[in-house]
Amino acid sequence: MFGTANQLLAAIALTVGTSFIMNRGKAKYAWVTLLPLIFVAFTTLSAGCLNIMNLFYPMLFVPKTQLQGTINLLLTVVIMGSVVVIMIDAVPKWIAVMRNKREPENFE
């Protein structure tokens, strides 16, 4: 679970970095953070799903590991859900900036 949380934190950082680049009016450079974001998010969310199905869910049926499995399962689902919500919130804003429907924010 620690590895999943660590990589999903990287996905959040790349999402924030991409948003920063877009808001600075440098959308043509967003691919520098967008490509790693897509790779890290896809592989880590896939691995998180596999951890849930193959590791944590079976632990719920063994009395000795039931508490540990419950905690790991819940925390993994919360972390994965948070990343998905952050990305779902950011993508429409990126699209709006690229289509020039919204002016990039000026921080100067």
PDB file of N, CA and C in Angstrom:
ATOM      1  N   MET A   1       0.815  -1.186   0.000  1.00  0.00           N
ATOM      2  CA  MET A   1       0.000   0.000   0.000  1.00  0.00           C
ATOM      3  C   MET A   1       0.866   1.261   0.000  1.00  0.00           C
ATOM      4  N   PHE A   2       2.027   1.205   0.655  1.00  0.00           N
ATOM      5  CA  PHE A   2       2.895   2.381   0.698  1.00  0.00           C
ATOM      6  C   PHE A   2       3.373   2.763  -0.698  1.00  0.00           C
ATOM      7  N   GLY A   3       3.725   1.780  -1.508  1.00  0.00           N
ATOM      8  CA  GLY A   3       4.170   2.056  -2.876  1.00  0.00           C
ATOM      9  C   GLY A   3       3.076   2.691  -3.705  1.00  0.00           C
ATOM     10  N   THR A   4       1.859   2.208  -3.553  1.00  0.00           N
ATOM     11  CA  THR A   4       0.724   2.774  -4.282  1.00  0.00           C
ATOM     12  C   THR A   4       0.497   4.224  -3.855  1.00  0.00           C
ATOM     13  N   ALA A   5       0.516   4.467  -2.558  1.00  0.00           N
ATOM     14  CA  ALA A   5       0.307   5.830  -2.060  1.00  0.00           C
ATOM     15  C   ALA A   5       1.411   6.762  -2.540  1.00  0.00           C
ATOM     16  N   ASN A   6       2.640   6.285  -2.550  1.00  0.00           N
ATOM     17  CA  ASN A   6       3.765   7.098  -2.990  1.00  0.00           C
ATOM     18  C   ASN A   6       3.628   7.479  -4.463  1.00  0.00           C
ATOM     19  N   GLN A   7       3.287   6.527  -5.307  1.00  0.00           N
ATOM     20  CA  GLN A   7       3.165   6.808  -6.736  1.00  0.00           C
ATOM     21  C   GLN A   7       1.938   7.669  -7.036  1.00  0.00           C
ATOM     22  N   LEU A   8       0.871   7.495  -6.282  1.00  0.00           N
ATOM     23  CA  LEU A   8      -0.303   8.337  -6.487  1.00  0.00           C
ATOM     24  C   LEU A   8      -0.041   9.768  -6.036  1.00  0.00           C
ATOM     25  N   LEU A   9       0.800   9.942  -5.046  1.00  0.00           N
ATOM     26  CA  LEU A   9       1.226  11.287  -4.671  1.00  0.00           C
ATOM     27  C   LEU A   9       2.014  11.926  -5.813  1.00  0.00           C
ATOM     28  N   ALA A  10       2.826  11.133  -6.496  1.00  0.00           N
ATOM     29  CA  ALA A  10       3.541  11.636  -7.674  1.00  0.00           C
ATOM     30  C   ALA A  10       2.554  12.043  -8.764  1.00  0.00           C
ATOM     31  N   ALA A  11       1.479  11.268  -8.935  1.00  0.00           N
ATOM     32  CA  ALA A  11       0.458  11.629  -9.928  1.00  0.00           C
ATOM     33  C   ALA A  11      -0.212  12.951  -9.568  1.00  0.00           C
ATOM     34  N   ILE A  12      -0.468  13.157  -8.294  1.00  0.00           N
ATOM     35  CA  ILE A  12      -1.062  14.428  -7.856  1.00  0.00           C
ATOM     36  C   ILE A  12      -0.092  15.574  -8.138  1.00  0.00           C
ATOM     37  N   ALA A  13       1.186  15.371  -7.838  1.00  0.00           N
ATOM     38  CA  ALA A  13       2.185  16.417  -8.095  1.00  0.00           C
ATOM     39  C   ALA A  13       2.278  16.731  -9.584  1.00  0.00           C
ATOM     40  N   LEU A  14       2.220  15.717 -10.426  1.00  0.00           N
ATOM     41  CA  LEU A  14       2.266  15.949 -11.869  1.00  0.00           C
ATOM     42  C   LEU A  14       0.996  16.651 -12.355  1.00  0.00           C
ATOM     43  N   THR A  15      -0.139  16.352 -11.739  1.00  0.00           N
ATOM     44  CA  THR A  15      -1.379  17.045 -12.085  1.00  0.00           C
ATOM     45  C   THR A  15      -1.277  18.525 -11.730  1.00  0.00           C
ATOM     46  N   VAL A  16      -0.766  18.818 -10.552  1.00  0.00           N
ATOM     47  CA  VAL A  16      -0.587  20.213 -10.133  1.00  0.00           C
ATOM     48  C   VAL A  16       0.428  20.907 -11.039  1.00  0.00           C
ATOM     49  N   GLY A  17       1.505  20.215 -11.377  1.00  0.00           N
ATOM     50  CA  GLY A  17       2.507  20.793 -12.270  1.00  0.00           C
ATOM     51  C   GLY A  17       1.940  21.095 -13.648  1.00  0.00           C
ATOM     52  N   THR A  18       1.134  20.194 -14.176  1.00  0.00           N
ATOM     53  CA  THR A  18       0.506  20.425 -15.473  1.00  0.00           C
ATOM     54  C   THR A  18      -0.448  21.610 -15.398  1.00  0.00           C
ATOM     55  N   SER A  19      -1.209  21.694 -14.325  1.00  0.00           N
ATOM     56  CA  SER A  19      -2.124  22.832 -14.159  1.00  0.00           C
ATOM     57  C   SER A  19      -1.350  24.146 -14.076  1.00  0.00           C
ATOM     58  N   PHE A  20      -0.239  24.131 -13.386  1.00  0.00           N
ATOM     59  CA  PHE A  20       0.588  25.329 -13.265  1.00  0.00           C
ATOM     60  C   PHE A  20       1.108  25.769 -14.630  1.00  0.00           C
ATOM     61  N   ILE A  21       1.607  24.814 -15.399  1.00  0.00           N
ATOM     62  CA  ILE A  21       2.116  25.126 -16.733  1.00  0.00           C
ATOM     63  C   ILE A  21       1.010  25.691 -17.611  1.00  0.00           C
ATOM     64  N   MET A  22      -0.160  25.071 -17.563  1.00  0.00           N
ATOM     65  CA  MET A  22      -1.282  25.551 -18.371  1.00  0.00           C
ATOM     66  C   MET A  22      -1.699  26.958 -17.941  1.00  0.00           C
ATOM     67  N   ASN A  23      -1.769  27.204 -16.661  1.00  0.00           N
ATOM     68  CA  ASN A  23      -2.211  28.511 -16.160  1.00  0.00           C
ATOM     69  C   ASN A  23      -1.195  29.622 -16.425  1.00  0.00           C
ATOM     70  N   ARG A  24       0.029  29.262 -16.642  1.00  0.00           N
ATOM     71  CA  ARG A  24       1.051  30.257 -16.979  1.00  0.00           C
ATOM     72  C   ARG A  24       1.027  30.611 -18.460  1.00  0.00           C
ATOM     73  N   GLY A  25       0.133  29.973 -19.228  1.00  0.00           N
ATOM     74  CA  GLY A  25       0.038  30.256 -20.650  1.00  0.00           C
ATOM     75  C   GLY A  25       1.031  29.494 -21.493  1.00  0.00           C
ATOM     76  N   LYS A  26       1.587  28.448 -20.960  1.00  0.00           N
ATOM     77  CA  LYS A  26       2.595  27.641 -21.660  1.00  0.00           C
ATOM     78  C   LYS A  26       2.056  26.257 -21.989  1.00  0.00           C
ATOM     79  N   ALA A  27       0.847  26.193 -22.512  1.00  0.00           N
ATOM     80  CA  ALA A  27       0.188  24.910 -22.768  1.00  0.00           C
ATOM     81  C   ALA A  27       0.980  24.023 -23.721  1.00  0.00           C
ATOM     82  N   LYS A  28       1.780  24.631 -24.595  1.00  0.00           N
ATOM     83  CA  LYS A  28       2.545  23.808 -25.538  1.00  0.00           C
ATOM     84  C   LYS A  28       3.642  23.003 -24.841  1.00  0.00           C
ATOM     85  N   TYR A  29       3.978  23.358 -23.620  1.00  0.00           N
ATOM     86  CA  TYR A  29       4.977  22.609 -22.851  1.00  0.00           C
ATOM     87  C   TYR A  29       4.356  21.630 -21.854  1.00  0.00           C
ATOM     88  N   ALA A  30       3.059  21.543 -21.823  1.00  0.00           N
ATOM     89  CA  ALA A  30       2.382  20.697 -20.840  1.00  0.00           C
ATOM     90  C   ALA A  30       2.666  19.212 -21.056  1.00  0.00           C
ATOM     91  N   TRP A  31       3.059  18.833 -22.254  1.00  0.00           N
ATOM     92  CA  TRP A  31       3.341  17.423 -22.517  1.00  0.00           C
ATOM     93  C   TRP A  31       4.494  16.912 -21.642  1.00  0.00           C
ATOM     94  N   VAL A  32       5.353  17.817 -21.184  1.00  0.00           N
ATOM     95  CA  VAL A  32       6.496  17.418 -20.355  1.00  0.00           C
ATOM     96  C   VAL A  32       6.028  16.773 -19.049  1.00  0.00           C
ATOM     97  N   THR A  33       4.935  17.241 -18.502  1.00  0.00           N
ATOM     98  CA  THR A  33       4.392  16.637 -17.284  1.00  0.00           C
ATOM     99  C   THR A  33       3.206  15.730 -17.575  1.00  0.00           C
ATOM    100  N   LEU A  34       2.547  15.945 -18.696  1.00  0.00           N
ATOM    101  CA  LEU A  34       1.352  15.171 -19.017  1.00  0.00           C
ATOM    102  C   LEU A  34       1.670  13.720 -19.369  1.00  0.00           C
ATOM    103  N   LEU A  35       2.717  13.485 -20.129  1.00  0.00           N
ATOM    104  CA  LEU A  35       3.076  12.110 -20.495  1.00  0.00           C
ATOM    105  C   LEU A  35       3.450  11.255 -19.275  1.00  0.00           C
ATOM    106  N   PRO A  36       4.326  11.748 -18.386  1.00  0.00           N
ATOM    107  CA  PRO A  36       4.600  10.962 -17.182  1.00  0.00           C
ATOM    108  C   PRO A  36       3.363  10.786 -16.302  1.00  0.00           C
ATOM    109  N   LEU A  37       2.500  11.813 -16.263  1.00  0.00           N
ATOM    110  CA  LEU A  37       1.270  11.718 -15.470  1.00  0.00           C
ATOM    111  C   LEU A  37       0.391  10.578 -15.969  1.00  0.00           C
ATOM    112  N   ILE A  38       0.206  10.502 -17.277  1.00  0.00           N
ATOM    113  CA  ILE A  38      -0.627   9.437 -17.842  1.00  0.00           C
ATOM    114  C   ILE A  38      -0.052   8.077 -17.503  1.00  0.00           C
ATOM    115  N   PHE A  39       1.258   7.925 -17.667  1.00  0.00           N
ATOM    116  CA  PHE A  39       1.899   6.637 -17.382  1.00  0.00           C
ATOM    117  C   PHE A  39       1.793   6.278 -15.902  1.00  0.00           C
ATOM    118  N   VAL A  40       2.168   7.213 -15.035  1.00  0.00           N
ATOM    119  CA  VAL A  40       2.163   6.925 -13.592  1.00  0.00           C
ATOM    120  C   VAL A  40       0.746   6.671 -13.090  1.00  0.00           C
ATOM    121  N   ALA A  41      -0.204   7.482 -13.523  1.00  0.00           N
ATOM    122  CA  ALA A  41      -1.580   7.309 -13.046  1.00  0.00           C
ATOM    123  C   ALA A  41      -2.156   5.981 -13.516  1.00  0.00           C
ATOM    124  N   PHE A  42      -1.974   5.655 -14.783  1.00  0.00           N
ATOM    125  CA  PHE A  42      -2.542   4.417 -15.311  1.00  0.00           C
ATOM    126  C   PHE A  42      -1.935   3.183 -14.640  1.00  0.00           C
ATOM    127  N   THR A  43      -0.613   3.123 -14.575  1.00  0.00           N
ATOM    128  CA  THR A  43       0.018   1.936 -13.996  1.00  0.00           C
ATOM    129  C   THR A  43      -0.264   1.810 -12.502  1.00  0.00           C
ATOM    130  N   THR A  44      -0.270   2.926 -11.789  1.00  0.00           N
ATOM    131  CA  THR A  44      -0.475   2.858 -10.342  1.00  0.00           C
ATOM    132  C   THR A  44      -1.931   2.557  -9.997  1.00  0.00           C
ATOM    133  N   LEU A  45      -2.872   3.148 -10.719  1.00  0.00           N
ATOM    134  CA  LEU A  45      -4.277   2.817 -10.467  1.00  0.00           C
ATOM    135  C   LEU A  45      -4.564   1.351 -10.814  1.00  0.00           C
ATOM    136  N   SER A  46      -3.931   0.861 -11.865  1.00  0.00           N
ATOM    137  CA  SER A  46      -4.082  -0.560 -12.215  1.00  0.00           C
ATOM    138  C   SER A  46      -3.494  -1.450 -11.117  1.00  0.00           C
ATOM    139  N   ALA A  47      -2.318  -1.090 -10.648  1.00  0.00           N
ATOM    140  CA  ALA A  47      -1.688  -1.863  -9.576  1.00  0.00           C
ATOM    141  C   ALA A  47      -2.501  -1.790  -8.290  1.00  0.00           C
ATOM    142  N   GLY A  48      -3.086  -0.634  -8.009  1.00  0.00           N
ATOM    143  CA  GLY A  48      -3.938  -0.511  -6.824  1.00  0.00           C
ATOM    144  C   GLY A  48      -5.149  -1.417  -6.910  1.00  0.00           C
ATOM    145  N   CYS A  49      -5.758  -1.488  -8.077  1.00  0.00           N
ATOM    146  CA  CYS A  49      -6.901  -2.400  -8.264  1.00  0.00           C
ATOM    147  C   CYS A  49      -6.475  -3.851  -8.073  1.00  0.00           C
ATOM    148  N   LEU A  50      -5.319  -4.202  -8.615  1.00  0.00           N
ATOM    149  CA  LEU A  50      -4.820  -5.574  -8.441  1.00  0.00           C
ATOM    150  C   LEU A  50      -4.513  -5.866  -6.972  1.00  0.00           C
ATOM    151  N   ASN A  51      -3.941  -4.894  -6.251  1.00  0.00           N
ATOM    152  CA  ASN A  51      -3.691  -5.081  -4.819  1.00  0.00           C
ATOM    153  C   ASN A  51      -4.988  -5.320  -4.065  1.00  0.00           C
ATOM    154  N   ILE A  52      -5.995  -4.537  -4.397  1.00  0.00           N
ATOM    155  CA  ILE A  52      -7.277  -4.696  -3.711  1.00  0.00           C
ATOM    156  C   ILE A  52      -7.855  -6.077  -3.971  1.00  0.00           C
ATOM    157  N   MET A  53      -7.892  -6.483  -5.243  1.00  0.00           N
ATOM    158  CA  MET A  53      -8.523  -7.764  -5.596  1.00  0.00           C
ATOM    159  C   MET A  53      -7.719  -8.976  -5.142  1.00  0.00           C
ATOM    160  N   ASN A  54      -6.396  -8.924  -5.280  1.00  0.00           N
ATOM    161  CA  ASN A  54      -5.579 -10.109  -5.027  1.00  0.00           C
ATOM    162  C   ASN A  54      -4.978 -10.181  -3.628  1.00  0.00           C
ATOM    163  N   LEU A  55      -4.831  -9.047  -2.950  1.00  0.00           N
ATOM    164  CA  LEU A  55      -4.201  -9.060  -1.635  1.00  0.00           C
ATOM    165  C   LEU A  55      -5.149  -8.708  -0.499  1.00  0.00           C
ATOM    166  N   PHE A  56      -5.753  -7.534  -0.595  1.00  0.00           N
ATOM    167  CA  PHE A  56      -6.501  -7.010   0.544  1.00  0.00           C
ATOM    168  C   PHE A  56      -7.870  -7.657   0.701  1.00  0.00           C
ATOM    169  N   TYR A  57      -8.586  -7.860  -0.394  1.00  0.00           N
ATOM    170  CA  TYR A  57      -9.927  -8.466  -0.306  1.00  0.00           C
ATOM    171  C   TYR A  57      -9.862  -9.890   0.254  1.00  0.00           C
ATOM    172  N   PRO A  58      -8.948 -10.760  -0.197  1.00  0.00           N
ATOM    173  CA  PRO A  58      -8.867 -12.096   0.417  1.00  0.00           C
ATOM    174  C   PRO A  58      -8.504 -12.071   1.909  1.00  0.00           C
ATOM    175  N   MET A  59      -7.812 -11.017   2.345  1.00  0.00           N
ATOM    176  CA  MET A  59      -7.453 -10.924   3.758  1.00  0.00           C
ATOM    177  C   MET A  59      -8.680 -10.739   4.646  1.00  0.00           C
ATOM    178  N   LEU A  60      -9.776 -10.251   4.083  1.00  0.00           N
ATOM    179  CA  LEU A  60     -10.988 -10.034   4.866  1.00  0.00           C
ATOM    180  C   LEU A  60     -11.605 -11.338   5.357  1.00  0.00           C
ATOM    181  N   PHE A  61     -11.302 -12.439   4.716  1.00  0.00           N
ATOM    182  CA  PHE A  61     -11.917 -13.721   5.053  1.00  0.00           C
ATOM    183  C   PHE A  61     -11.057 -14.589   5.954  1.00  0.00           C
ATOM    184  N   VAL A  62      -9.892 -14.089   6.328  1.00  0.00           N
ATOM    185  CA  VAL A  62      -9.024 -14.795   7.279  1.00  0.00           C
ATOM    186  C   VAL A  62      -9.080 -14.017   8.584  1.00  0.00           C
ATOM    187  N   PRO A  63      -9.576 -14.638   9.652  1.00  0.00           N
ATOM    188  CA  PRO A  63      -9.750 -13.897  10.908  1.00  0.00           C
ATOM    189  C   PRO A  63      -8.473 -13.228  11.419  1.00  0.00           C
ATOM    190  N   LYS A  64      -7.331 -13.852  11.197  1.00  0.00           N
ATOM    191  CA  LYS A  64      -6.079 -13.313  11.698  1.00  0.00           C
ATOM    192  C   LYS A  64      -5.675 -12.017  10.976  1.00  0.00           C
ATOM    193  N   THR A  65      -6.038 -11.875   9.718  1.00  0.00           N
ATOM    194  CA  THR A  65      -5.626 -10.706   8.926  1.00  0.00           C
ATOM    195  C   THR A  65      -6.797  -9.804   8.551  1.00  0.00           C
ATOM    196  N   GLN A  66      -7.935 -10.019   9.165  1.00  0.00           N
ATOM    197  CA  GLN A  66      -9.135  -9.273   8.785  1.00  0.00           C
ATOM    198  C   GLN A  66      -8.995  -7.767   9.035  1.00  0.00           C
ATOM    199  N   LEU A  67      -8.484  -7.374  10.171  1.00  0.00           N
ATOM    200  CA  LEU A  67      -8.327  -5.951  10.486  1.00  0.00           C
ATOM    201  C   LEU A  67      -7.306  -5.300   9.559  1.00  0.00           C
ATOM    202  N   GLN A  68      -6.179  -5.933   9.370  1.00  0.00           N
ATOM    203  CA  GLN A  68      -5.147  -5.407   8.478  1.00  0.00           C
ATOM    204  C   GLN A  68      -5.675  -5.284   7.047  1.00  0.00           C
ATOM    205  N   GLY A  69      -6.392  -6.278   6.581  1.00  0.00           N
ATOM    206  CA  GLY A  69      -6.961  -6.236   5.234  1.00  0.00           C
ATOM    207  C   GLY A  69      -7.981  -5.120   5.082  1.00  0.00           C
ATOM    208  N   THR A  70      -8.804  -4.922   6.109  1.00  0.00           N
ATOM    209  CA  THR A  70      -9.816  -3.862   6.070  1.00  0.00           C
ATOM    210  C   THR A  70      -9.161  -2.483   6.002  1.00  0.00           C
ATOM    211  N   ILE A  71      -8.169  -2.262   6.839  1.00  0.00           N
ATOM    212  CA  ILE A  71      -7.480  -0.973   6.854  1.00  0.00           C
ATOM    213  C   ILE A  71      -6.789  -0.716   5.521  1.00  0.00           C
ATOM    214  N   ASN A  72      -6.048  -1.697   5.026  1.00  0.00           N
ATOM    215  CA  ASN A  72      -5.349  -1.531   3.753  1.00  0.00           C
ATOM    216  C   ASN A  72      -6.325  -1.299   2.605  1.00  0.00           C
ATOM    217  N   LEU A  73      -7.414  -2.029   2.586  1.00  0.00           N
ATOM    218  CA  LEU A  73      -8.395  -1.888   1.520  1.00  0.00           C
ATOM    219  C   LEU A  73      -9.028  -0.506   1.544  1.00  0.00           C
ATOM    220  N   LEU A  74      -9.460  -0.064   2.708  1.00  0.00           N
ATOM    221  CA  LEU A  74     -10.109   1.240   2.810  1.00  0.00           C
ATOM    222  C   LEU A  74      -9.166   2.387   2.469  1.00  0.00           C
ATOM    223  N   LEU A  75      -7.952   2.345   2.975  1.00  0.00           N
ATOM    224  CA  LEU A  75      -7.004   3.418   2.695  1.00  0.00           C
ATOM    225  C   LEU A  75      -6.630   3.462   1.212  1.00  0.00           C
ATOM    226  N   THR A  76      -6.464   2.303   0.605  1.00  0.00           N
ATOM    227  CA  THR A  76      -6.142   2.260  -0.816  1.00  0.00           C
ATOM    228  C   THR A  76      -7.277   2.820  -1.658  1.00  0.00           C
ATOM    229  N   VAL A  77      -8.507   2.468  -1.322  1.00  0.00           N
ATOM    230  CA  VAL A  77      -9.667   2.978  -2.064  1.00  0.00           C
ATOM    231  C   VAL A  77      -9.787   4.495  -1.896  1.00  0.00           C
ATOM    232  N   VAL A  78      -9.559   5.001  -0.690  1.00  0.00           N
ATOM    233  CA  VAL A  78      -9.650   6.444  -0.448  1.00  0.00           C
ATOM    234  C   VAL A  78      -8.578   7.195  -1.233  1.00  0.00           C
ATOM    235  N   ILE A  79      -7.354   6.690  -1.210  1.00  0.00           N
ATOM    236  CA  ILE A  79      -6.266   7.349  -1.929  1.00  0.00           C
ATOM    237  C   ILE A  79      -6.519   7.325  -3.431  1.00  0.00           C
ATOM    238  N   MET A  80      -6.932   6.181  -3.949  1.00  0.00           N
ATOM    239  CA  MET A  80      -7.201   6.078  -5.388  1.00  0.00           C
ATOM    240  C   MET A  80      -8.367   6.975  -5.785  1.00  0.00           C
ATOM    241  N   GLY A  81      -9.392   7.014  -4.969  1.00  0.00           N
ATOM    242  CA  GLY A  81     -10.530   7.871  -5.251  1.00  0.00           C
ATOM    243  C   GLY A  81     -10.158   9.337  -5.246  1.00  0.00           C
ATOM    244  N   SER A  82      -9.301   9.724  -4.327  1.00  0.00           N
ATOM    245  CA  SER A  82      -8.859  11.124  -4.257  1.00  0.00           C
ATOM    246  C   SER A  82      -8.103  11.536  -5.515  1.00  0.00           C
ATOM    247  N   VAL A  83      -7.240  10.665  -5.984  1.00  0.00           N
ATOM    248  CA  VAL A  83      -6.481  10.965  -7.198  1.00  0.00           C
ATOM    249  C   VAL A  83      -7.414  11.086  -8.399  1.00  0.00           C
ATOM    250  N   VAL A  84      -8.370  10.190  -8.491  1.00  0.00           N
ATOM    251  CA  VAL A  84      -9.316  10.236  -9.611  1.00  0.00           C
ATOM    252  C   VAL A  84     -10.124  11.536  -9.570  1.00  0.00           C
ATOM    253  N   VAL A  85     -10.573  11.946  -8.401  1.00  0.00           N
ATOM    254  CA  VAL A  85     -11.342  13.188  -8.275  1.00  0.00           C
ATOM    255  C   VAL A  85     -10.489  14.393  -8.673  1.00  0.00           C
ATOM    256  N   ILE A  86      -9.237  14.433  -8.230  1.00  0.00           N
ATOM    257  CA  ILE A  86      -8.348  15.545  -8.573  1.00  0.00           C
ATOM    258  C   ILE A  86      -8.135  15.609 -10.078  1.00  0.00           C
ATOM    259  N   MET A  87      -7.917  14.470 -10.700  1.00  0.00           N
ATOM    260  CA  MET A  87      -7.684  14.455 -12.145  1.00  0.00           C
ATOM    261  C   MET A  87      -8.962  14.807 -12.920  1.00  0.00           C
ATOM    262  N   ILE A  88     -10.107  14.327 -12.465  1.00  0.00           N
ATOM    263  CA  ILE A  88     -11.369  14.649 -13.134  1.00  0.00           C
ATOM    264  C   ILE A  88     -11.650  16.152 -13.032  1.00  0.00           C
ATOM    265  N   ASP A  89     -11.248  16.763 -11.938  1.00  0.00           N
ATOM    266  CA  ASP A  89     -11.431  18.203 -11.778  1.00  0.00           C
ATOM    267  C   ASP A  89     -10.472  18.995 -12.661  1.00  0.00           C
ATOM    268  N   ALA A  90      -9.256  18.502 -12.870  1.00  0.00           N
ATOM    269  CA  ALA A  90      -8.247  19.259 -13.600  1.00  0.00           C
ATOM    270  C   ALA A  90      -8.402  19.173 -15.115  1.00  0.00           C
ATOM    271  N   VAL A  91      -8.790  18.024 -15.628  1.00  0.00           N
ATOM    272  CA  VAL A  91      -8.812  17.821 -17.087  1.00  0.00           C
ATOM    273  C   VAL A  91      -9.721  18.814 -17.818  1.00  0.00           C
ATOM    274  N   PRO A  92     -10.954  19.069 -17.380  1.00  0.00           N
ATOM    275  CA  PRO A  92     -11.765  20.057 -18.108  1.00  0.00           C
ATOM    276  C   PRO A  92     -11.156  21.458 -18.118  1.00  0.00           C
ATOM    277  N   LYS A  93     -10.452  21.815 -17.071  1.00  0.00           N
ATOM    278  CA  LYS A  93      -9.795  23.125 -17.017  1.00  0.00           C
ATOM    279  C   LYS A  93      -8.645  23.187 -18.020  1.00  0.00           C
ATOM    280  N   TRP A  94      -7.918  22.093 -18.167  1.00  0.00           N
ATOM    281  CA  TRP A  94      -6.847  22.039 -19.159  1.00  0.00           C
ATOM    282  C   TRP A  94      -7.421  22.177 -20.569  1.00  0.00           C
ATOM    283  N   ILE A  95      -8.511  21.472 -20.813  1.00  0.00           N
ATOM    284  CA  ILE A  95      -9.139  21.522 -22.137  1.00  0.00           C
ATOM    285  C   ILE A  95      -9.629  22.934 -22.435  1.00  0.00           C
ATOM    286  N   ALA A  96     -10.215  23.593 -21.446  1.00  0.00           N
ATOM    287  CA  ALA A  96     -10.703  24.961 -21.645  1.00  0.00           C
ATOM    288  C   ALA A  96      -9.554  25.911 -21.968  1.00  0.00           C
ATOM    289  N   VAL A  97      -8.427  25.748 -21.307  1.00  0.00           N
ATOM    290  CA  VAL A  97      -7.278  26.609 -21.580  1.00  0.00           C
ATOM    291  C   VAL A  97      -6.745  26.330 -22.988  1.00  0.00           C
ATOM    292  N   MET A  98      -6.673  25.065 -23.382  1.00  0.00           N
ATOM    293  CA  MET A  98      -6.151  24.731 -24.705  1.00  0.00           C
ATOM    294  C   MET A  98      -7.082  25.207 -25.821  1.00  0.00           C
ATOM    295  N   ARG A  99      -8.366  25.244 -25.562  1.00  0.00           N
ATOM    296  CA  ARG A  99      -9.321  25.719 -26.568  1.00  0.00           C
ATOM    297  C   ARG A  99      -9.538  27.226 -26.484  1.00  0.00           C
ATOM    298  N   ASN A 100      -8.791  27.868 -25.628  1.00  0.00           N
ATOM    299  CA  ASN A 100      -8.863  29.319 -25.421  1.00  0.00           C
ATOM    300  C   ASN A 100     -10.236  29.789 -24.954  1.00  0.00           C
ATOM    301  N   LYS A 101     -10.967  28.914 -24.277  1.00  0.00           N
ATOM    302  CA  LYS A 101     -12.242  29.333 -23.698  1.00  0.00           C
ATOM    303  C   LYS A 101     -12.026  30.058 -22.381  1.00  0.00           C
ATOM    304  N   ARG A 102     -10.873  29.847 -21.805  1.00  0.00           N
ATOM    305  CA  ARG A 102     -10.565  30.495 -20.528  1.00  0.00           C
ATOM    306  C   ARG A 102      -9.145  31.018 -20.628  1.00  0.00           C
ATOM    307  N   GLU A 103      -8.974  32.223 -20.217  1.00  0.00           N
ATOM    308  CA  GLU A 103      -7.652  32.832 -20.244  1.00  0.00           C
ATOM    309  C   GLU A 103      -6.790  32.230 -19.140  1.00  0.00           C
ATOM    310  N   PRO A 104      -5.535  31.956 -19.441  1.00  0.00           N
ATOM    311  CA  PRO A 104      -4.639  31.510 -18.372  1.00  0.00           C
ATOM    312  C   PRO A 104      -4.497  32.599 -17.314  1.00  0.00           C
ATOM    313  N   GLU A 105      -4.309  32.174 -16.089  1.00  0.00           N
ATOM    314  CA  GLU A 105      -4.168  33.138 -15.010  1.00  0.00           C
ATOM    315  C   GLU A 105      -2.779  33.783 -15.071  1.00  0.00           C
ATOM    316  N   ASN A 106      -2.737  35.059 -14.815  1.00  0.00           N
ATOM    317  CA  ASN A 106      -1.475  35.790 -14.818  1.00  0.00           C
ATOM    318  C   ASN A 106      -1.028  35.962 -13.381  1.00  0.00           C
ATOM    319  N   PHE A 107       0.139  35.408 -13.053  1.00  0.00           N
ATOM    320  CA  PHE A 107       0.649  35.446 -11.691  1.00  0.00           C
ATOM    321  C   PHE A 107       1.624  36.591 -11.458  1.00  0.00           C
ATOM    322  N   GLU A 108       1.828  37.430 -12.451  1.00  0.00           N
ATOM    323  CA  GLU A 108       2.819  38.497 -12.318  1.00  0.00           C
ATOM    324  C   GLU A 108       2.201  39.760 -11.775  1.00  0.00           C
TER     325      GLU A 108
END
